[in-house]
Amino acid sequence: MTYRFTVNLPQNQKKVLRISPKETLSEVRQIICKEKGFNPSRYVFKLPSNPTDTVDDLTSVGDLKTSEINFVAIGR
């Protein structure tokens, strides 16, 4: 079973992935950075409902209890 997961990228871009809920944010990071040419060490994941705290890369997509996450440049 796959999960429709939306990643909100910088500059009002979005990436919709069809992934397993068992995949971690680390795996999502690899996909996004490879496709978009981002430096993985310069970005963090934050929940739209809690934009002040970062989300650990070891968290699985299914454990987030949301189908959307923000991918934010560090220092913004």
Protein backbone atom coordinates (compact mmCIF):
# COMPACT_ATOMS: atom_id res chain seq x y z
CA MET A 1 0.00 0.00 0.00
CA THR A 2 1.29 3.47 -0.85
CA TYR A 3 0.58 6.75 0.81
CA ARG A 4 0.08 10.12 -0.90
CA PHE A 5 2.50 12.47 0.85
CA THR A 6 2.95 16.16 0.06
CA VAL A 7 6.23 17.96 0.75
CA ASN A 8 6.01 21.76 0.75
CA LEU A 9 9.28 23.01 -0.69
CA PRO A 10 10.91 26.46 -0.64
CA GLN A 11 9.62 29.14 -3.01
CA ASN A 12 6.03 27.85 -2.89
CA GLN A 13 6.88 24.60 -4.67
CA LYS A 14 5.31 21.24 -3.80
CA LYS A 15 6.29 17.65 -4.40
CA VAL A 16 3.70 14.88 -4.10
CA LEU A 17 5.14 11.42 -3.46
CA ARG A 18 3.51 8.00 -3.47
CA ILE A 19 5.45 6.16 -0.80
CA SER A 20 5.09 3.47 1.82
CA PRO A 21 4.00 4.74 5.25
CA LYS A 22 7.01 2.83 6.61
CA GLU A 23 9.49 5.08 4.78
CA THR A 24 11.35 7.53 6.99
CA LEU A 25 11.80 11.24 6.50
CA SER A 26 15.46 10.47 5.84
CA GLU A 27 14.38 8.53 2.75
CA VAL A 28 12.05 11.36 1.74
CA ARG A 29 14.97 13.80 2.17
CA GLN A 30 17.12 11.72 -0.19
CA ILE A 31 14.39 11.70 -2.85
CA ILE A 32 13.74 15.45 -2.62
CA CYS A 33 17.40 16.49 -2.53
CA LYS A 34 18.38 14.24 -5.42
CA GLU A 35 15.52 15.45 -7.61
CA LYS A 36 15.76 19.16 -6.74
CA GLY A 37 19.55 19.42 -6.26
CA PHE A 38 19.25 20.60 -2.65
CA ASN A 39 22.06 20.21 -0.12
CA PRO A 40 20.49 17.84 2.45
CA SER A 41 22.38 19.37 5.38
CA ARG A 42 20.79 22.78 4.77
CA TYR A 43 17.13 21.75 5.20
CA VAL A 44 14.88 20.47 7.98
CA PHE A 45 11.38 19.04 8.13
CA LYS A 46 8.68 20.91 10.06
CA LEU A 47 5.02 20.12 10.50
CA PRO A 48 2.61 22.75 9.15
CA SER A 49 0.74 22.52 12.47
CA ASN A 50 3.95 23.18 14.47
CA PRO A 51 6.36 25.27 12.37
CA THR A 52 8.73 26.02 15.25
CA ASP A 53 9.92 22.45 15.93
CA THR A 54 11.87 20.22 13.57
CA VAL A 55 10.85 16.62 12.95
CA ASP A 56 13.43 13.85 13.35
CA ASP A 57 14.53 12.19 10.10
CA LEU A 58 14.04 8.74 11.65
CA THR A 59 10.30 9.34 11.94
CA SER A 60 8.27 7.25 9.52
CA VAL A 61 5.75 8.95 7.27
CA GLY A 62 2.96 6.86 8.78
CA ASP A 63 3.86 7.95 12.32
CA LEU A 64 3.44 11.63 11.45
CA LYS A 65 -0.38 11.38 11.43
CA THR A 66 -0.44 13.89 8.57
CA SER A 67 -0.04 13.68 4.81
CA GLU A 68 1.90 16.94 4.52
CA ILE A 69 5.19 18.34 5.75
CA ASN A 70 7.30 21.44 5.17
CA PHE A 71 10.88 21.20 3.92
CA VAL A 72 12.50 24.41 5.18
CA ALA A 73 15.96 25.91 4.72
CA ILE A 74 17.87 26.19 8.00
CA GLY A 75 17.91 29.70 9.38
CA ARG A 76 14.50 30.67 8.00
